Amino acid sequence: APGSTELTVNTLARGSIAVSGTGVASSTATIAGGAGVFEFTVGGGATQSVAIDATTTLAELATSINDLNAGVSASTVNLGTEASPEYRLRLASNSTGTSSDIAITTDDTSISVAVSQAAQDASFTVSGFATPVTRESNTFSDVIPGTTISLLATGGPVTLTVSTDETA
């Protein structure tokens, strides 16, 4: 319906990230002293488990996590230099919003994996209403009928104007 309103964006939706606190010299370096598991949940869902042992490498752990298709992407990242590499594990949720929050439940690795960024929902206020509105994504179409809104940055207020397309 034609008209205008103002939105103030409090937070943007984002995914969760977990990283290893300890690096290794290469992605093919081993990451455990013996048999154990690496376990995590996404959004409070079922526990995802990867068996590890003294021969498991950082790259193998990342591949095994990705093979679970659990809503996260695992990768190895070199935070060092070519001469002095420091490879670490990075897990990132594939979606935004609090239902994509990663929790590390068991870490029998030697690389100390922990959540470094919690997932969060987008939060915004529509002018005239005191209660913020939240969404799992920064793009949604259920606030103003017939209108898709994409939040790009925090701040505001910004004016949204909706008009009828006379050429349609």
Protein backbone atom coordinates (compact mmCIF):
# COMPACT_ATOMS: atom_id res chain seq x y z
CA ALA A 1 0.00 0.00 0.00
CA PRO A 2 1.37 3.46 -0.87
CA GLY A 3 2.73 5.56 1.98
CA SER A 4 5.86 6.17 3.96
CA THR A 5 7.27 5.23 7.33
CA GLU A 6 10.57 5.52 9.18
CA LEU A 7 12.81 2.69 10.34
CA THR A 8 15.70 2.85 12.79
CA VAL A 9 18.06 -0.13 12.61
CA ASN A 10 19.47 -1.17 15.99
CA THR A 11 21.43 -4.29 14.96
CA LEU A 12 22.03 -6.23 11.77
CA ALA A 13 21.50 -9.99 11.71
CA ARG A 14 24.72 -11.96 11.65
CA GLY A 15 25.90 -15.53 11.88
CA SER A 16 27.97 -17.19 14.56
CA ILE A 17 31.72 -17.83 14.29
CA ALA A 18 33.95 -20.17 16.28
CA VAL A 19 37.73 -20.22 15.88
CA SER A 20 40.69 -22.09 17.29
CA GLY A 21 42.77 -20.18 19.81
CA THR A 22 45.89 -22.20 19.09
CA GLY A 23 47.50 -22.41 15.67
CA VAL A 24 49.49 -25.16 13.97
CA ALA A 25 52.32 -24.97 11.44
CA SER A 26 50.30 -26.32 8.49
CA SER A 27 46.81 -27.44 7.59
CA THR A 28 48.18 -31.00 7.53
CA ALA A 29 49.49 -30.80 11.13
CA THR A 30 47.77 -33.06 13.67
CA ILE A 31 45.38 -31.47 16.15
CA ALA A 32 44.86 -34.10 18.86
CA GLY A 33 47.02 -36.12 21.22
CA GLY A 34 44.78 -39.18 21.10
CA ALA A 35 41.27 -40.51 20.55
CA GLY A 36 38.37 -38.17 21.28
CA VAL A 37 35.62 -36.10 19.71
CA PHE A 38 34.90 -32.60 18.53
CA GLU A 39 31.24 -31.77 19.10
CA PHE A 40 29.09 -28.72 18.51
CA THR A 41 25.48 -27.64 18.10
CA VAL A 42 23.88 -25.09 15.81
CA GLY A 43 20.95 -23.16 17.23
CA GLY A 44 20.49 -25.60 20.08
CA GLY A 45 19.85 -28.45 17.63
CA ALA A 46 21.23 -31.97 17.67
CA THR A 47 24.84 -32.46 18.74
CA GLN A 48 27.14 -32.81 15.73
CA SER A 49 30.13 -35.07 16.35
CA VAL A 50 33.44 -35.73 14.61
CA ALA A 51 35.69 -38.52 15.89
CA ILE A 52 39.35 -37.49 16.14
CA ASP A 53 42.59 -39.24 17.02
CA ALA A 54 46.33 -38.60 17.07
CA THR A 55 46.47 -38.75 13.25
CA THR A 56 43.65 -36.23 12.57
CA THR A 57 44.90 -33.12 10.78
CA LEU A 58 43.43 -29.62 10.85
CA ALA A 59 42.32 -29.95 7.22
CA GLU A 60 40.70 -33.33 7.91
CA LEU A 61 38.77 -31.88 10.85
CA ALA A 62 37.47 -29.04 8.64
CA THR A 63 36.45 -31.52 5.90
CA SER A 64 34.73 -33.81 8.42
CA ILE A 65 32.78 -30.88 9.87
CA ASN A 66 31.68 -29.79 6.38
CA ASP A 67 30.66 -33.37 5.53
CA LEU A 68 28.11 -33.24 8.40
CA ASN A 69 26.04 -30.65 6.46
CA ALA A 70 25.13 -29.19 9.85
CA GLY A 71 24.60 -25.56 8.81
CA VAL A 72 28.20 -24.44 9.28
CA SER A 73 31.19 -24.03 6.99
CA ALA A 74 34.60 -24.99 8.35
CA SER A 75 37.87 -23.77 6.86
CA THR A 76 41.54 -23.42 7.68
CA VAL A 77 42.99 -19.92 7.83
CA ASN A 78 46.68 -18.96 7.98
CA LEU A 79 47.00 -16.04 10.41
CA GLY A 80 50.79 -16.16 10.18
CA THR A 81 53.10 -15.59 7.27
CA GLU A 82 54.51 -17.86 4.58
CA ALA A 83 57.78 -18.08 6.54
CA SER A 84 56.05 -18.59 9.89
CA PRO A 85 52.59 -20.03 9.27
CA GLU A 86 49.91 -20.31 11.94
CA TYR A 87 46.91 -22.23 10.65
CA ARG A 88 43.67 -22.11 12.60
CA LEU A 89 40.20 -23.58 12.29
CA ARG A 90 37.24 -21.30 11.52
CA LEU A 91 33.60 -22.41 11.75
CA ALA A 92 30.93 -20.03 10.50
CA SER A 93 27.18 -20.59 10.53
CA ASN A 94 25.66 -20.64 7.05
CA SER A 95 22.69 -18.49 8.10
CA THR A 96 22.14 -15.39 10.19
CA GLY A 97 20.05 -15.01 13.31
CA THR A 98 20.09 -16.50 16.77
CA SER A 99 18.76 -19.84 15.53
CA SER A 100 22.17 -20.27 13.85
CA ASP A 101 24.26 -19.78 16.99
CA ILE A 102 27.18 -22.22 17.30
CA ALA A 103 28.03 -23.81 20.65
CA ILE A 104 31.14 -25.96 21.13
CA THR A 105 30.09 -28.78 23.47
CA THR A 106 33.17 -31.07 23.45
CA ASP A 107 36.63 -30.15 22.23
CA ASP A 108 39.19 -32.92 22.61
CA THR A 109 41.51 -31.18 20.12
CA SER A 110 44.70 -29.39 21.10
CA ILE A 111 43.64 -26.19 19.27
CA SER A 112 41.12 -24.74 21.77
CA VAL A 113 38.07 -23.98 19.64
CA ALA A 114 35.70 -21.36 21.08
CA VAL A 115 32.92 -19.10 19.85
CA SER A 116 34.31 -15.67 18.93
CA GLN A 117 31.09 -14.13 17.55
CA ALA A 118 27.59 -14.93 18.73
CA ALA A 119 24.80 -14.97 16.18
CA GLN A 120 22.22 -12.22 16.45
CA ASP A 121 18.90 -11.24 14.91
CA ALA A 122 18.29 -7.99 13.08
CA SER A 123 16.52 -5.50 15.34
CA PHE A 124 14.77 -2.36 14.13
CA THR A 125 12.08 0.05 15.22
CA VAL A 126 9.18 1.21 13.06
CA SER A 127 8.29 4.85 13.82
CA GLY A 128 5.40 5.14 16.23
CA PHE A 129 6.06 1.78 17.88
CA ALA A 130 8.23 1.54 21.00
CA THR A 131 8.91 -2.22 20.79
CA PRO A 132 11.72 -3.24 18.43
CA VAL A 133 10.95 -5.78 15.69
CA THR A 134 13.39 -8.68 15.19
CA ARG A 135 14.09 -10.89 12.19
CA GLU A 136 16.58 -13.72 11.60
CA SER A 137 17.71 -12.11 8.33
CA ASN A 138 18.55 -8.62 7.12
CA THR A 139 16.14 -9.07 4.19
CA PHE A 140 12.45 -9.67 4.83
CA SER A 141 9.06 -9.00 3.26
CA ASP A 142 6.61 -9.46 6.12
CA VAL A 143 6.67 -6.03 7.80
CA ILE A 144 5.11 -3.80 5.12
CA PRO A 145 2.79 -5.84 2.85
CA GLY A 146 4.11 -6.19 -0.69
CA THR A 147 7.48 -4.65 0.21
CA THR A 148 10.87 -6.36 0.57
CA ILE A 149 13.21 -4.54 2.94
CA SER A 150 16.98 -5.08 3.08
CA LEU A 151 18.80 -3.67 6.10
CA LEU A 152 22.30 -2.56 5.12
CA ALA A 153 23.62 -0.67 8.15
CA THR A 154 22.67 0.36 11.66
CA GLY A 155 21.33 3.85 12.33
CA GLY A 156 18.51 5.99 11.18
CA PRO A 157 15.82 6.87 11.12
CA VAL A 158 15.49 6.38 7.38
CA THR A 159 12.29 7.05 5.49
CA LEU A 160 10.80 4.26 3.40
CA THR A 161 8.40 5.42 0.72
CA VAL A 162 6.15 2.91 -1.01
CA SER A 163 4.26 3.91 -4.15
CA THR A 164 2.18 2.18 -6.79
CA ASP A 165 4.01 1.32 -10.01
CA GLU A 166 1.69 2.83 -12.62
CA THR A 167 3.57 1.14 -15.49
CA ALA A 168 2.98 -2.38 -14.17
